[in-house]
N, C-alpha and C. Protein backbone atom coordinates (compact mmCIF):
# COMPACT_ATOMS: atom_id res chain seq x y z
N UNK A 1 85.30 92.37 105.11
CA UNK A 1 85.53 91.25 106.02
C UNK A 1 85.57 89.93 105.27
N UNK A 2 84.86 89.83 104.16
CA UNK A 2 84.83 88.57 103.42
C UNK A 2 86.24 88.15 103.02
N UNK A 3 87.00 89.07 102.51
CA UNK A 3 88.37 88.75 102.09
C UNK A 3 89.20 88.27 103.27
N UNK A 4 89.01 88.89 104.42
CA UNK A 4 89.83 88.53 105.57
C UNK A 4 89.59 87.09 106.00
N UNK A 5 88.36 86.64 106.01
CA UNK A 5 88.10 85.26 106.41
C UNK A 5 88.70 84.30 105.38
N UNK A 6 88.69 84.70 104.13
CA UNK A 6 89.30 83.86 103.11
C UNK A 6 90.81 83.76 103.30
N UNK A 7 91.41 84.86 103.66
CA UNK A 7 92.85 84.86 103.94
C UNK A 7 93.14 83.97 105.14
N UNK A 8 92.27 84.00 106.14
CA UNK A 8 92.46 83.15 107.32
C UNK A 8 92.26 81.68 106.98
N UNK A 9 91.35 81.37 106.08
CA UNK A 9 91.18 79.99 105.64
C UNK A 9 92.46 79.47 104.97
N UNK A 10 93.05 80.29 104.13
CA UNK A 10 94.31 79.91 103.48
C UNK A 10 95.39 79.72 104.55
N UNK A 11 95.45 80.62 105.52
CA UNK A 11 96.45 80.52 106.59
C UNK A 11 96.28 79.23 107.38
N UNK A 12 95.04 78.86 107.66
CA UNK A 12 94.76 77.61 108.38
C UNK A 12 95.26 76.43 107.57
N UNK A 13 94.89 76.38 106.32
CA UNK A 13 95.28 75.26 105.46
C UNK A 13 96.79 75.16 105.35
N UNK A 14 97.45 76.29 105.16
CA UNK A 14 98.90 76.28 105.06
C UNK A 14 99.55 75.91 106.39
N UNK A 15 98.97 76.34 107.48
CA UNK A 15 99.49 75.98 108.80
C UNK A 15 99.41 74.48 109.03
N UNK A 16 98.36 73.86 108.51
CA UNK A 16 98.21 72.41 108.61
C UNK A 16 99.13 71.68 107.64
N UNK A 17 99.67 72.41 106.67
CA UNK A 17 100.58 71.82 105.70
C UNK A 17 99.90 70.87 104.74
N UNK A 18 98.67 71.19 104.36
CA UNK A 18 97.95 70.31 103.45
C UNK A 18 97.49 71.07 102.20
N UNK A 19 97.29 70.32 101.16
CA UNK A 19 96.86 70.91 99.90
C UNK A 19 95.38 71.27 99.95
N UNK A 20 94.97 72.06 98.99
CA UNK A 20 93.54 72.37 98.88
C UNK A 20 92.73 71.09 98.72
N UNK A 21 93.24 70.17 97.93
CA UNK A 21 92.52 68.91 97.67
C UNK A 21 92.30 68.15 98.98
N UNK A 22 93.35 68.01 99.78
CA UNK A 22 93.21 67.29 101.05
C UNK A 22 92.32 68.05 102.03
N UNK A 23 92.47 69.35 102.06
CA UNK A 23 91.66 70.18 102.95
C UNK A 23 90.18 70.02 102.60
N UNK A 24 89.86 70.06 101.33
CA UNK A 24 88.48 69.92 100.87
C UNK A 24 87.91 68.55 101.19
N UNK A 25 88.75 67.53 101.06
CA UNK A 25 88.30 66.18 101.40
C UNK A 25 87.88 66.09 102.85
N UNK A 26 88.58 66.81 103.70
CA UNK A 26 88.26 66.80 105.12
C UNK A 26 86.98 67.52 105.48
N UNK A 27 86.56 68.45 104.62
CA UNK A 27 85.33 69.19 104.92
C UNK A 27 84.22 68.87 103.92
N UNK A 28 84.46 67.86 103.10
CA UNK A 28 83.42 67.30 102.23
C UNK A 28 82.84 68.29 101.22
N UNK A 29 83.73 69.07 100.61
CA UNK A 29 83.29 69.92 99.50
C UNK A 29 84.28 69.74 98.36
N UNK A 30 83.84 70.07 97.15
CA UNK A 30 84.72 69.88 95.99
C UNK A 30 85.85 70.91 96.01
N UNK A 31 86.97 70.50 95.43
CA UNK A 31 88.11 71.40 95.37
C UNK A 31 87.81 72.62 94.51
N UNK A 32 87.07 72.43 93.44
CA UNK A 32 86.77 73.58 92.57
C UNK A 32 85.91 74.61 93.31
N UNK A 33 84.95 74.13 94.08
CA UNK A 33 84.12 75.05 94.87
C UNK A 33 84.98 75.77 95.91
N UNK A 34 85.81 75.00 96.62
CA UNK A 34 86.63 75.61 97.67
C UNK A 34 87.65 76.59 97.10
N UNK A 35 88.20 76.28 95.94
CA UNK A 35 89.15 77.21 95.31
C UNK A 35 88.47 78.55 95.04
N UNK A 36 87.20 78.51 94.68
CA UNK A 36 86.45 79.75 94.47
C UNK A 36 86.21 80.48 95.79
N UNK A 37 86.06 79.72 96.87
CA UNK A 37 85.91 80.34 98.20
C UNK A 37 87.19 81.07 98.56
N UNK A 38 88.33 80.36 98.44
CA UNK A 38 89.62 80.99 98.76
C UNK A 38 89.89 82.18 97.85
N UNK A 39 89.45 82.08 96.61
CA UNK A 39 89.68 83.16 95.64
C UNK A 39 88.71 84.32 95.75
N UNK A 40 87.72 84.22 96.64
CA UNK A 40 86.79 85.31 96.84
C UNK A 40 85.62 85.33 95.87
N UNK A 41 85.47 84.29 95.08
CA UNK A 41 84.38 84.24 94.11
C UNK A 41 83.11 83.63 94.69
N UNK A 42 83.24 82.95 95.82
CA UNK A 42 82.09 82.39 96.52
C UNK A 42 82.18 82.79 97.99
N UNK A 43 81.05 82.94 98.63
CA UNK A 43 81.07 83.33 100.05
C UNK A 43 81.47 82.17 100.95
N UNK A 44 81.99 82.51 102.11
CA UNK A 44 82.28 81.52 103.14
C UNK A 44 81.01 81.36 103.95
N UNK A 45 80.33 80.24 103.76
CA UNK A 45 79.04 80.06 104.44
C UNK A 45 79.22 79.39 105.80
N UNK A 46 78.14 79.34 106.55
CA UNK A 46 78.18 78.77 107.91
C UNK A 46 78.59 77.31 107.91
N UNK A 47 78.19 76.58 106.88
CA UNK A 47 78.55 75.15 106.80
C UNK A 47 80.07 74.99 106.70
N UNK A 48 80.71 75.77 105.85
CA UNK A 48 82.16 75.68 105.70
C UNK A 48 82.84 76.03 107.01
N UNK A 49 82.38 77.08 107.65
CA UNK A 49 82.97 77.49 108.93
C UNK A 49 82.85 76.37 109.96
N UNK A 50 81.66 75.80 110.06
CA UNK A 50 81.45 74.73 111.05
C UNK A 50 82.32 73.52 110.74
N UNK A 51 82.41 73.14 109.49
CA UNK A 51 83.21 71.97 109.12
C UNK A 51 84.70 72.20 109.36
N UNK A 52 85.19 73.37 109.00
CA UNK A 52 86.61 73.67 109.22
C UNK A 52 86.92 73.64 110.71
N UNK A 53 86.05 74.23 111.49
CA UNK A 53 86.28 74.26 112.95
C UNK A 53 86.25 72.85 113.55
N UNK A 54 85.28 72.04 113.15
CA UNK A 54 85.17 70.71 113.76
C UNK A 54 86.21 69.74 113.23
N UNK A 55 86.49 69.78 111.94
CA UNK A 55 87.41 68.82 111.35
C UNK A 55 88.87 69.14 111.67
N UNK A 56 89.22 70.42 111.69
CA UNK A 56 90.62 70.79 111.84
C UNK A 56 90.93 71.48 113.16
N UNK A 57 89.95 71.57 114.05
CA UNK A 57 90.21 72.14 115.36
C UNK A 57 90.47 73.63 115.35
N UNK A 58 89.92 74.31 114.38
CA UNK A 58 90.13 75.75 114.25
C UNK A 58 89.18 76.50 115.17
N UNK A 59 89.69 77.54 115.78
CA UNK A 59 88.87 78.39 116.64
C UNK A 59 87.90 79.19 115.77
N UNK A 60 86.63 79.10 116.08
CA UNK A 60 85.62 79.84 115.31
C UNK A 60 85.84 81.34 115.45
N UNK A 61 86.22 81.78 116.64
CA UNK A 61 86.48 83.20 116.85
C UNK A 61 87.63 83.67 115.96
N UNK A 62 88.68 82.88 115.86
CA UNK A 62 89.80 83.25 114.99
C UNK A 62 89.33 83.33 113.54
N UNK A 63 88.60 82.32 113.11
CA UNK A 63 88.17 82.27 111.73
C UNK A 63 87.28 83.46 111.36
N UNK A 64 86.37 83.81 112.27
CA UNK A 64 85.44 84.90 111.98
C UNK A 64 86.05 86.29 112.16
N UNK A 65 86.88 86.44 113.18
CA UNK A 65 87.37 87.78 113.52
C UNK A 65 88.87 87.97 113.39
N UNK A 66 89.60 86.87 113.38
CA UNK A 66 91.06 86.98 113.37
C UNK A 66 91.65 87.14 114.75
N UNK A 67 90.80 87.10 115.77
CA UNK A 67 91.28 87.27 117.15
C UNK A 67 91.49 85.91 117.81
N UNK A 68 92.45 85.87 118.70
CA UNK A 68 92.71 84.64 119.46
C UNK A 68 93.60 83.67 118.71
N UNK A 69 93.71 82.48 119.26
CA UNK A 69 94.54 81.43 118.67
C UNK A 69 93.85 80.84 117.44
N UNK A 70 94.65 80.45 116.48
CA UNK A 70 94.12 79.84 115.26
C UNK A 70 93.42 78.52 115.58
N UNK A 71 94.00 77.75 116.47
CA UNK A 71 93.45 76.44 116.77
C UNK A 71 92.88 76.38 118.17
N UNK A 72 91.84 75.60 118.31
CA UNK A 72 91.22 75.37 119.61
C UNK A 72 92.16 74.50 120.44
N UNK A 73 91.86 74.40 121.71
CA UNK A 73 92.69 73.62 122.61
C UNK A 73 92.67 72.14 122.29
N UNK A 74 91.66 71.65 121.60
CA UNK A 74 91.56 70.23 121.34
C UNK A 74 92.19 69.81 120.02
N UNK A 75 93.11 70.62 119.48
CA UNK A 75 93.75 70.30 118.22
C UNK A 75 94.50 68.98 118.29
N UNK A 76 95.18 68.71 119.39
CA UNK A 76 95.93 67.45 119.51
C UNK A 76 94.99 66.25 119.39
N UNK A 77 93.81 66.35 119.96
CA UNK A 77 92.85 65.25 119.86
C UNK A 77 92.40 65.05 118.41
N UNK A 78 92.19 66.13 117.72
CA UNK A 78 91.77 66.05 116.32
C UNK A 78 92.88 65.46 115.47
N UNK A 79 94.11 65.90 115.70
CA UNK A 79 95.24 65.36 114.95
C UNK A 79 95.43 63.88 115.23
N UNK A 80 95.27 63.48 116.47
CA UNK A 80 95.39 62.07 116.82
C UNK A 80 94.32 61.24 116.12
N UNK A 81 93.12 61.77 116.06
CA UNK A 81 92.03 61.07 115.37
C UNK A 81 92.36 60.92 113.88
N UNK A 82 92.86 61.98 113.27
CA UNK A 82 93.22 61.92 111.86
C UNK A 82 94.34 60.91 111.63
N UNK A 83 95.33 60.94 112.50
CA UNK A 83 96.44 60.00 112.40
C UNK A 83 95.97 58.56 112.54
N UNK A 84 95.07 58.32 113.47
CA UNK A 84 94.53 56.98 113.68
C UNK A 84 93.77 56.50 112.45
N UNK A 85 92.98 57.37 111.85
CA UNK A 85 92.23 56.99 110.66
C UNK A 85 93.17 56.61 109.52
N UNK A 86 94.22 57.38 109.33
CA UNK A 86 95.20 57.09 108.28
C UNK A 86 95.93 55.79 108.60
N UNK A 87 96.38 55.66 109.83
CA UNK A 87 97.12 54.48 110.27
C UNK A 87 96.31 53.21 110.04
N UNK A 88 95.03 53.25 110.34
CA UNK A 88 94.16 52.08 110.20
C UNK A 88 93.98 51.65 108.75
N UNK A 89 94.20 52.56 107.83
CA UNK A 89 94.08 52.21 106.41
C UNK A 89 95.33 51.55 105.87
N UNK A 90 96.43 51.64 106.60
CA UNK A 90 97.69 51.07 106.12
C UNK A 90 97.78 49.58 106.38
N UNK A 91 98.52 48.89 105.52
CA UNK A 91 98.80 47.48 105.73
C UNK A 91 99.89 47.36 106.79
N UNK A 92 99.96 46.21 107.49
CA UNK A 92 100.91 46.05 108.61
C UNK A 92 102.36 46.46 108.35
N UNK A 93 102.96 46.13 107.20
CA UNK A 93 104.36 46.56 107.02
C UNK A 93 104.51 48.09 107.02
N UNK A 94 103.52 48.77 106.47
CA UNK A 94 103.56 50.23 106.44
C UNK A 94 103.31 50.81 107.83
N UNK A 95 102.47 50.16 108.60
CA UNK A 95 102.25 50.58 109.98
C UNK A 95 103.55 50.49 110.77
N UNK A 96 104.26 49.38 110.60
CA UNK A 96 105.54 49.21 111.30
C UNK A 96 106.52 50.30 110.91
N UNK A 97 106.53 50.65 109.63
CA UNK A 97 107.42 51.70 109.15
C UNK A 97 107.07 53.05 109.79
N UNK A 98 105.80 53.35 109.87
CA UNK A 98 105.36 54.61 110.48
C UNK A 98 105.79 54.67 111.94
N UNK A 99 105.61 53.58 112.66
CA UNK A 99 106.01 53.55 114.07
C UNK A 99 107.51 53.79 114.20
N UNK A 100 108.30 53.15 113.35
CA UNK A 100 109.74 53.36 113.37
C UNK A 100 110.09 54.82 113.10
N UNK A 101 109.44 55.42 112.13
CA UNK A 101 109.71 56.81 111.79
C UNK A 101 109.34 57.75 112.94
N UNK A 102 108.25 57.48 113.59
CA UNK A 102 107.82 58.32 114.72
C UNK A 102 108.83 58.22 115.86
N UNK A 103 109.31 57.02 116.11
CA UNK A 103 110.32 56.83 117.16
C UNK A 103 111.59 57.60 116.82
N UNK A 104 111.99 57.57 115.56
CA UNK A 104 113.19 58.29 115.13
C UNK A 104 112.99 59.80 115.24
N UNK A 105 111.80 60.27 114.91
CA UNK A 105 111.50 61.70 115.06
C UNK A 105 111.55 62.12 116.53
N UNK A 106 111.04 61.28 117.40
CA UNK A 106 111.07 61.58 118.83
C UNK A 106 112.51 61.67 119.33
N UNK A 107 113.35 60.75 118.90
CA UNK A 107 114.77 60.79 119.28
C UNK A 107 115.45 62.04 118.75
N UNK A 108 115.16 62.41 117.51
CA UNK A 108 115.73 63.63 116.93
C UNK A 108 115.28 64.86 117.70
N UNK A 109 114.02 64.88 118.11
CA UNK A 109 113.51 65.99 118.90
C UNK A 109 114.22 66.08 120.24
N UNK A 110 114.42 64.94 120.89
CA UNK A 110 115.12 64.93 122.19
C UNK A 110 116.54 65.44 122.04
N UNK A 111 117.23 65.01 120.98
CA UNK A 111 118.60 65.45 120.73
C UNK A 111 118.64 66.94 120.46
N UNK A 112 117.66 67.43 119.69
CA UNK A 112 117.59 68.84 119.38
C UNK A 112 117.39 69.69 120.63
N UNK A 113 116.53 69.22 121.53
CA UNK A 113 116.29 69.95 122.78
C UNK A 113 117.51 69.95 123.68
N UNK A 114 118.28 68.86 123.66
CA UNK A 114 119.47 68.75 124.50
C UNK A 114 120.59 69.65 124.02
N UNK A 115 120.60 70.02 122.73
CA UNK A 115 121.65 70.87 122.19
C UNK A 115 121.31 72.35 122.28
N UNK A 116 120.10 72.65 122.69
CA UNK A 116 119.70 74.08 122.76
C UNK A 116 120.08 74.70 124.06
């Protein structure tokens, strides 16, 4: 079972589209330690499970057993919080750029849905 939870941790990280370094930053552990966790050289402890679930909105049941949805229902809230934290660190010109890009993505999504 140990290997399976490690495989699910990799799947979560890849699903989020983030590097090991960024993933580790979010759960407050070193990348070298976490790389050993993913590689099966260190156990997945309760602290890592709790942090992954709370920081990234991962379903604890999925992480432990592989059953159910990968993400909890509150994933959108967690993503919005992460986006807000990043946005607040940007200087105003970069904030304006992000808003413009989001608007363009929304328009592209609407066009894509209309052509389907």
